[in-house]
Amino acid sequence: MKNQWVVKHDKNWALKGEGNLRVTKVYSTQAEAIQAGKIAAQSQESELIIQGRDGKIRERSTYGKDPFPPKG
């Protein structure tokens, strides 16, 4: 179970497994990278973390067992 990150990569976007030194794959759009990240995170029952152009986390999605599910 390895969290997947969508990150800015030069003028493109990339999918990177958490802790990996290299990116998994480079995509021309953020939307393509997000779609690939969702598939990877779902298959690994992990989390998808999406960074914005500024490098700050803009969205997180958990696929699988959420360690902190909301109450109610």
PDB file of N, CA and C in Angstrom:
ATOM      1  N   MET A   1       0.842  -1.171   0.000  1.00  0.00           N
ATOM      2  CA  MET A   1       0.000   0.000   0.000  1.00  0.00           C
ATOM      3  C   MET A   1       0.894   1.242   0.000  1.00  0.00           C
ATOM      4  N   LYS A   2       0.937   1.916  -1.114  1.00  0.00           N
ATOM      5  CA  LYS A   2       1.784   3.102  -1.257  1.00  0.00           C
ATOM      6  C   LYS A   2       0.916   4.244  -1.764  1.00  0.00           C
ATOM      7  N   ASN A   3       0.900   5.356  -1.033  1.00  0.00           N
ATOM      8  CA  ASN A   3       0.135   6.515  -1.471  1.00  0.00           C
ATOM      9  C   ASN A   3       0.665   7.007  -2.811  1.00  0.00           C
ATOM     10  N   GLN A   4      -0.244   7.513  -3.639  1.00  0.00           N
ATOM     11  CA  GLN A   4       0.091   8.019  -4.955  1.00  0.00           C
ATOM     12  C   GLN A   4      -0.018   9.540  -4.967  1.00  0.00           C
ATOM     13  N   TRP A   5       0.954  10.190  -5.565  1.00  0.00           N
ATOM     14  CA  TRP A   5       0.997  11.653  -5.627  1.00  0.00           C
ATOM     15  C   TRP A   5       0.915  12.112  -7.076  1.00  0.00           C
ATOM     16  N   VAL A   6       0.080  13.114  -7.332  1.00  0.00           N
ATOM     17  CA  VAL A   6       0.069  13.805  -8.620  1.00  0.00           C
ATOM     18  C   VAL A   6       0.852  15.093  -8.399  1.00  0.00           C
ATOM     19  N   VAL A   7       1.956  15.237  -9.133  1.00  0.00           N
ATOM     20  CA  VAL A   7       2.867  16.357  -8.913  1.00  0.00           C
ATOM     21  C   VAL A   7       3.204  17.051 -10.235  1.00  0.00           C
ATOM     22  N   LYS A   8       3.574  18.326 -10.138  1.00  0.00           N
ATOM     23  CA  LYS A   8       4.040  19.079 -11.298  1.00  0.00           C
ATOM     24  C   LYS A   8       5.401  18.531 -11.679  1.00  0.00           C
ATOM     25  N   HIS A   9       5.629  18.348 -12.978  1.00  0.00           N
ATOM     26  CA  HIS A   9       6.887  17.779 -13.469  1.00  0.00           C
ATOM     27  C   HIS A   9       7.304  18.572 -14.702  1.00  0.00           C
ATOM     28  N   ASP A  10       8.173  19.548 -14.515  1.00  0.00           N
ATOM     29  CA  ASP A  10       8.543  20.500 -15.565  1.00  0.00           C
ATOM     30  C   ASP A  10       7.262  21.183 -16.069  1.00  0.00           C
ATOM     31  N   LYS A  11       6.958  21.059 -17.345  1.00  0.00           N
ATOM     32  CA  LYS A  11       5.731  21.665 -17.886  1.00  0.00           C
ATOM     33  C   LYS A  11       4.586  20.663 -17.934  1.00  0.00           C
ATOM     34  N   ASN A  12       4.817  19.469 -17.413  1.00  0.00           N
ATOM     35  CA  ASN A  12       3.829  18.402 -17.432  1.00  0.00           C
ATOM     36  C   ASN A  12       3.409  18.043 -16.005  1.00  0.00           C
ATOM     37  N   TRP A  13       2.705  16.931 -15.888  1.00  0.00           N
ATOM     38  CA  TRP A  13       2.282  16.394 -14.593  1.00  0.00           C
ATOM     39  C   TRP A  13       2.727  14.951 -14.517  1.00  0.00           C
ATOM     40  N   ALA A  14       2.948  14.473 -13.295  1.00  0.00           N
ATOM     41  CA  ALA A  14       3.427  13.106 -13.133  1.00  0.00           C
ATOM     42  C   ALA A  14       2.733  12.420 -11.971  1.00  0.00           C
ATOM     43  N   LEU A  15       2.732  11.112 -12.042  1.00  0.00           N
ATOM     44  CA  LEU A  15       2.264  10.270 -10.951  1.00  0.00           C
ATOM     45  C   LEU A  15       3.507   9.696 -10.289  1.00  0.00           C
ATOM     46  N   LYS A  16       3.540   9.777  -8.966  1.00  0.00           N
ATOM     47  CA  LYS A  16       4.718   9.317  -8.223  1.00  0.00           C
ATOM     48  C   LYS A  16       4.265   8.562  -6.986  1.00  0.00           C
ATOM     49  N   GLY A  17       4.814   7.384  -6.769  1.00  0.00           N
ATOM     50  CA  GLY A  17       4.550   6.628  -5.555  1.00  0.00           C
ATOM     51  C   GLY A  17       5.273   7.269  -4.387  1.00  0.00           C
ATOM     52  N   GLU A  18       4.598   7.371  -3.254  1.00  0.00           N
ATOM     53  CA  GLU A  18       5.191   8.008  -2.075  1.00  0.00           C
ATOM     54  C   GLU A  18       6.499   7.324  -1.698  1.00  0.00           C
ATOM     55  N   GLY A  19       7.533   8.122  -1.510  1.00  0.00           N
ATOM     56  CA  GLY A  19       8.846   7.599  -1.136  1.00  0.00           C
ATOM     57  C   GLY A  19       9.730   7.226  -2.316  1.00  0.00           C
ATOM     58  N   ASN A  20       9.172   7.184  -3.514  1.00  0.00           N
ATOM     59  CA  ASN A  20       9.971   6.853  -4.697  1.00  0.00           C
ATOM     60  C   ASN A  20      10.826   8.049  -5.101  1.00  0.00           C
ATOM     61  N   LEU A  21      12.021   7.772  -5.595  1.00  0.00           N
ATOM     62  CA  LEU A  21      12.884   8.840  -6.080  1.00  0.00           C
ATOM     63  C   LEU A  21      12.471   9.312  -7.469  1.00  0.00           C
ATOM     64  N   ARG A  22      11.949   8.396  -8.268  1.00  0.00           N
ATOM     65  CA  ARG A  22      11.539   8.727  -9.630  1.00  0.00           C
ATOM     66  C   ARG A  22      10.021   8.695  -9.763  1.00  0.00           C
ATOM     67  N   VAL A  23       9.541   9.421 -10.766  1.00  0.00           N
ATOM     68  CA  VAL A  23       8.107   9.397 -11.036  1.00  0.00           C
ATOM     69  C   VAL A  23       7.755   8.088 -11.736  1.00  0.00           C
ATOM     70  N   THR A  24       6.495   7.677 -11.588  1.00  0.00           N
ATOM     71  CA  THR A  24       6.029   6.458 -12.236  1.00  0.00           C
ATOM     72  C   THR A  24       5.813   6.696 -13.720  1.00  0.00           C
ATOM     73  N   LYS A  25       5.132   7.815 -14.038  1.00  0.00           N
ATOM     74  CA  LYS A  25       4.860   8.151 -15.428  1.00  0.00           C
ATOM     75  C   LYS A  25       4.539   9.634 -15.531  1.00  0.00           C
ATOM     76  N   VAL A  26       4.884  10.231 -16.668  1.00  0.00           N
ATOM     77  CA  VAL A  26       4.627  11.647 -16.928  1.00  0.00           C
ATOM     78  C   VAL A  26       3.433  11.771 -17.873  1.00  0.00           C
ATOM     79  N   TYR A  27       2.563  12.750 -17.585  1.00  0.00           N
ATOM     80  CA  TYR A  27       1.364  13.001 -18.388  1.00  0.00           C
ATOM     81  C   TYR A  27       1.361  14.454 -18.841  1.00  0.00           C
ATOM     82  N   SER A  28       0.706  14.718 -19.963  1.00  0.00           N
ATOM     83  CA  SER A  28       0.678  16.089 -20.479  1.00  0.00           C
ATOM     84  C   SER A  28      -0.310  16.971 -19.734  1.00  0.00           C
ATOM     85  N   THR A  29      -1.324  16.360 -19.081  1.00  0.00           N
ATOM     86  CA  THR A  29      -2.296  17.155 -18.315  1.00  0.00           C
ATOM     87  C   THR A  29      -2.439  16.609 -16.900  1.00  0.00           C
ATOM     88  N   GLN A  30      -2.877  17.479 -16.008  1.00  0.00           N
ATOM     89  CA  GLN A  30      -3.126  17.061 -14.638  1.00  0.00           C
ATOM     90  C   GLN A  30      -4.281  16.066 -14.592  1.00  0.00           C
ATOM     91  N   ALA A  31      -5.288  16.270 -15.429  1.00  0.00           N
ATOM     92  CA  ALA A  31      -6.452  15.369 -15.450  1.00  0.00           C
ATOM     93  C   ALA A  31      -6.042  13.934 -15.786  1.00  0.00           C
ATOM     94  N   GLU A  32      -5.119  13.770 -16.732  1.00  0.00           N
ATOM     95  CA  GLU A  32      -4.634  12.430 -17.087  1.00  0.00           C
ATOM     96  C   GLU A  32      -3.887  11.796 -15.908  1.00  0.00           C
ATOM     97  N   ALA A  33      -3.078  12.595 -15.249  1.00  0.00           N
ATOM     98  CA  ALA A  33      -2.319  12.089 -14.100  1.00  0.00           C
ATOM     99  C   ALA A  33      -3.254  11.711 -12.955  1.00  0.00           C
ATOM    100  N   ILE A  34      -4.304  12.514 -12.737  1.00  0.00           N
ATOM    101  CA  ILE A  34      -5.274  12.215 -11.681  1.00  0.00           C
ATOM    102  C   ILE A  34      -6.004  10.912 -11.980  1.00  0.00           C
ATOM    103  N   GLN A  35      -6.424  10.713 -13.225  1.00  0.00           N
ATOM    104  CA  GLN A  35      -7.134   9.485 -13.597  1.00  0.00           C
ATOM    105  C   GLN A  35      -6.255   8.259 -13.357  1.00  0.00           C
ATOM    106  N   ALA A  36      -4.989   8.338 -13.759  1.00  0.00           N
ATOM    107  CA  ALA A  36      -4.067   7.219 -13.537  1.00  0.00           C
ATOM    108  C   ALA A  36      -3.823   7.023 -12.044  1.00  0.00           C
ATOM    109  N   GLY A  37      -3.744   8.110 -11.301  1.00  0.00           N
ATOM    110  CA  GLY A  37      -3.545   8.026  -9.855  1.00  0.00           C
ATOM    111  C   GLY A  37      -4.710   7.377  -9.144  1.00  0.00           C
ATOM    112  N   LYS A  38      -5.930   7.670  -9.591  1.00  0.00           N
ATOM    113  CA  LYS A  38      -7.121   7.042  -8.994  1.00  0.00           C
ATOM    114  C   LYS A  38      -7.085   5.537  -9.189  1.00  0.00           C
ATOM    115  N   ILE A  39      -6.737   5.119 -10.385  1.00  0.00           N
ATOM    116  CA  ILE A  39      -6.669   3.682 -10.682  1.00  0.00           C
ATOM    117  C   ILE A  39      -5.606   3.013  -9.806  1.00  0.00           C
ATOM    118  N   ALA A  40      -4.436   3.625  -9.710  1.00  0.00           N
ATOM    119  CA  ALA A  40      -3.356   3.052  -8.896  1.00  0.00           C
ATOM    120  C   ALA A  40      -3.734   3.018  -7.418  1.00  0.00           C
ATOM    121  N   ALA A  41      -4.319   4.113  -6.917  1.00  0.00           N
ATOM    122  CA  ALA A  41      -4.699   4.172  -5.503  1.00  0.00           C
ATOM    123  C   ALA A  41      -5.811   3.168  -5.187  1.00  0.00           C
ATOM    124  N   GLN A  42      -6.757   3.003  -6.094  1.00  0.00           N
ATOM    125  CA  GLN A  42      -7.829   2.028  -5.877  1.00  0.00           C
ATOM    126  C   GLN A  42      -7.270   0.615  -5.844  1.00  0.00           C
ATOM    127  N   SER A  43      -6.358   0.292  -6.744  1.00  0.00           N
ATOM    128  CA  SER A  43      -5.822  -1.072  -6.783  1.00  0.00           C
ATOM    129  C   SER A  43      -4.956  -1.369  -5.559  1.00  0.00           C
ATOM    130  N   GLN A  44      -4.336  -0.338  -4.989  1.00  0.00           N
ATOM    131  CA  GLN A  44      -3.484  -0.532  -3.818  1.00  0.00           C
ATOM    132  C   GLN A  44      -4.196  -0.196  -2.508  1.00  0.00           C
ATOM    133  N   GLU A  45      -5.464   0.211  -2.616  1.00  0.00           N
ATOM    134  CA  GLU A  45      -6.243   0.633  -1.448  1.00  0.00           C
ATOM    135  C   GLU A  45      -5.448   1.644  -0.626  1.00  0.00           C
ATOM    136  N   SER A  46      -5.001   2.687  -1.308  1.00  0.00           N
ATOM    137  CA  SER A  46      -4.184   3.721  -0.667  1.00  0.00           C
ATOM    138  C   SER A  46      -4.815   5.094  -0.875  1.00  0.00           C
ATOM    139  N   GLU A  47      -4.028   6.128  -0.686  1.00  0.00           N
ATOM    140  CA  GLU A  47      -4.529   7.490  -0.787  1.00  0.00           C
ATOM    141  C   GLU A  47      -3.950   8.161  -2.030  1.00  0.00           C
ATOM    142  N   LEU A  48      -4.750   9.016  -2.662  1.00  0.00           N
ATOM    143  CA  LEU A  48      -4.300   9.826  -3.782  1.00  0.00           C
ATOM    144  C   LEU A  48      -4.180  11.258  -3.295  1.00  0.00           C
ATOM    145  N   ILE A  49      -2.996  11.826  -3.427  1.00  0.00           N
ATOM    146  CA  ILE A  49      -2.742  13.201  -3.008  1.00  0.00           C
ATOM    147  C   ILE A  49      -2.436  14.008  -4.262  1.00  0.00           C
ATOM    148  N   ILE A  50      -3.193  15.090  -4.470  1.00  0.00           N
ATOM    149  CA  ILE A  50      -3.037  15.912  -5.668  1.00  0.00           C
ATOM    150  C   ILE A  50      -2.470  17.269  -5.273  1.00  0.00           C
ATOM    151  N   GLN A  51      -1.345  17.618  -5.877  1.00  0.00           N
ATOM    152  CA  GLN A  51      -0.745  18.918  -5.646  1.00  0.00           C
ATOM    153  C   GLN A  51      -1.192  19.890  -6.737  1.00  0.00           C
ATOM    154  N   GLY A  52      -1.323  21.154  -6.357  1.00  0.00           N
ATOM    155  CA  GLY A  52      -1.616  22.197  -7.324  1.00  0.00           C
ATOM    156  C   GLY A  52      -0.336  22.685  -7.970  1.00  0.00           C
ATOM    157  N   ARG A  53      -0.453  23.659  -8.858  1.00  0.00           N
ATOM    158  CA  ARG A  53       0.726  24.218  -9.533  1.00  0.00           C
ATOM    159  C   ARG A  53       1.713  24.837  -8.563  1.00  0.00           C
ATOM    160  N   ASP A  54       1.199  25.306  -7.413  1.00  0.00           N
ATOM    161  CA  ASP A  54       2.060  25.935  -6.409  1.00  0.00           C
ATOM    162  C   ASP A  54       2.749  24.922  -5.501  1.00  0.00           C
ATOM    163  N   GLY A  55       2.473  23.631  -5.706  1.00  0.00           N
ATOM    164  CA  GLY A  55       3.098  22.584  -4.904  1.00  0.00           C
ATOM    165  C   GLY A  55       2.348  22.244  -3.624  1.00  0.00           C
ATOM    166  N   LYS A  56       1.307  23.023  -3.305  1.00  0.00           N
ATOM    167  CA  LYS A  56       0.515  22.754  -2.107  1.00  0.00           C
ATOM    168  C   LYS A  56      -0.537  21.698  -2.405  1.00  0.00           C
ATOM    169  N   ILE A  57      -0.855  20.890  -1.390  1.00  0.00           N
ATOM    170  CA  ILE A  57      -1.872  19.856  -1.557  1.00  0.00           C
ATOM    171  C   ILE A  57      -3.223  20.528  -1.752  1.00  0.00           C
ATOM    172  N   ARG A  58      -3.893  20.168  -2.836  1.00  0.00           N
ATOM    173  CA  ARG A  58      -5.199  20.762  -3.114  1.00  0.00           C
ATOM    174  C   ARG A  58      -6.341  19.778  -2.888  1.00  0.00           C
ATOM    175  N   GLU A  59      -6.016  18.484  -2.872  1.00  0.00           N
ATOM    176  CA  GLU A  59      -7.067  17.477  -2.693  1.00  0.00           C
ATOM    177  C   GLU A  59      -6.450  16.157  -2.258  1.00  0.00           C
ATOM    178  N   ARG A  60      -7.209  15.420  -1.441  1.00  0.00           N
ATOM    179  CA  ARG A  60      -6.807  14.069  -1.012  1.00  0.00           C
ATOM    180  C   ARG A  60      -8.028  13.167  -1.121  1.00  0.00           C
ATOM    181  N   SER A  61      -7.819  11.961  -1.595  1.00  0.00           N
ATOM    182  CA  SER A  61      -8.893  10.970  -1.667  1.00  0.00           C
ATOM    183  C   SER A  61      -8.355   9.646  -1.160  1.00  0.00           C
ATOM    184  N   THR A  62      -9.137   8.991  -0.316  1.00  0.00           N
ATOM    185  CA  THR A  62      -8.740   7.699   0.231  1.00  0.00           C
ATOM    186  C   THR A  62      -9.524   6.592  -0.458  1.00  0.00           C
ATOM    187  N   TYR A  63      -8.819   5.576  -0.900  1.00  0.00           N
ATOM    188  CA  TYR A  63      -9.428   4.407  -1.538  1.00  0.00           C
ATOM    189  C   TYR A  63      -9.045   3.194  -0.701  1.00  0.00           C
ATOM    190  N   GLY A  64     -10.002   2.628  -0.032  1.00  0.00           N
ATOM    191  CA  GLY A  64      -9.718   1.505   0.854  1.00  0.00           C
ATOM    192  C   GLY A  64     -10.150   1.846   2.259  1.00  0.00           C
ATOM    193  N   LYS A  65      -9.412   1.374   3.224  1.00  0.00           N
ATOM    194  CA  LYS A  65      -9.758   1.601   4.622  1.00  0.00           C
ATOM    195  C   LYS A  65      -9.218   2.945   5.080  1.00  0.00           C
ATOM    196  N   ASP A  66     -10.119   3.853   5.399  1.00  0.00           N
ATOM    197  CA  ASP A  66      -9.740   5.183   5.874  1.00  0.00           C
ATOM    198  C   ASP A  66      -9.402   5.094   7.364  1.00  0.00           C
ATOM    199  N   PRO A  67      -8.182   5.467   7.771  1.00  0.00           N
ATOM    200  CA  PRO A  67      -7.824   5.360   9.176  1.00  0.00           C
ATOM    201  C   PRO A  67      -8.572   6.366  10.068  1.00  0.00           C
ATOM    202  N   PHE A  68      -9.141   7.404   9.476  1.00  0.00           N
ATOM    203  CA  PHE A  68      -9.863   8.419  10.241  1.00  0.00           C
ATOM    204  C   PHE A  68     -11.221   8.712   9.595  1.00  0.00           C
ATOM    205  N   PRO A  69     -12.133   7.738   9.604  1.00  0.00           N
ATOM    206  CA  PRO A  69     -13.425   7.997   8.956  1.00  0.00           C
ATOM    207  C   PRO A  69     -14.218   9.051   9.726  1.00  0.00           C
ATOM    208  N   PRO A  70     -14.994   9.873   9.009  1.00  0.00           N
ATOM    209  CA  PRO A  70     -15.797  10.891   9.698  1.00  0.00           C
ATOM    210  C   PRO A  70     -16.916  10.261  10.520  1.00  0.00           C
ATOM    211  N   LYS A  71     -17.280  10.917  11.611  1.00  0.00           N
ATOM    212  CA  LYS A  71     -18.371  10.423  12.457  1.00  0.00           C
ATOM    213  C   LYS A  71     -19.695  10.976  11.938  1.00  0.00           C
ATOM    214  N   GLY A  72     -20.742  10.170  12.134  1.00  0.00           N
ATOM    215  CA  GLY A  72     -22.071  10.665  11.827  1.00  0.00           C
ATOM    216  C   GLY A  72     -22.619  10.074  10.632  1.00  0.00           C
TER     217      GLY A  72
END
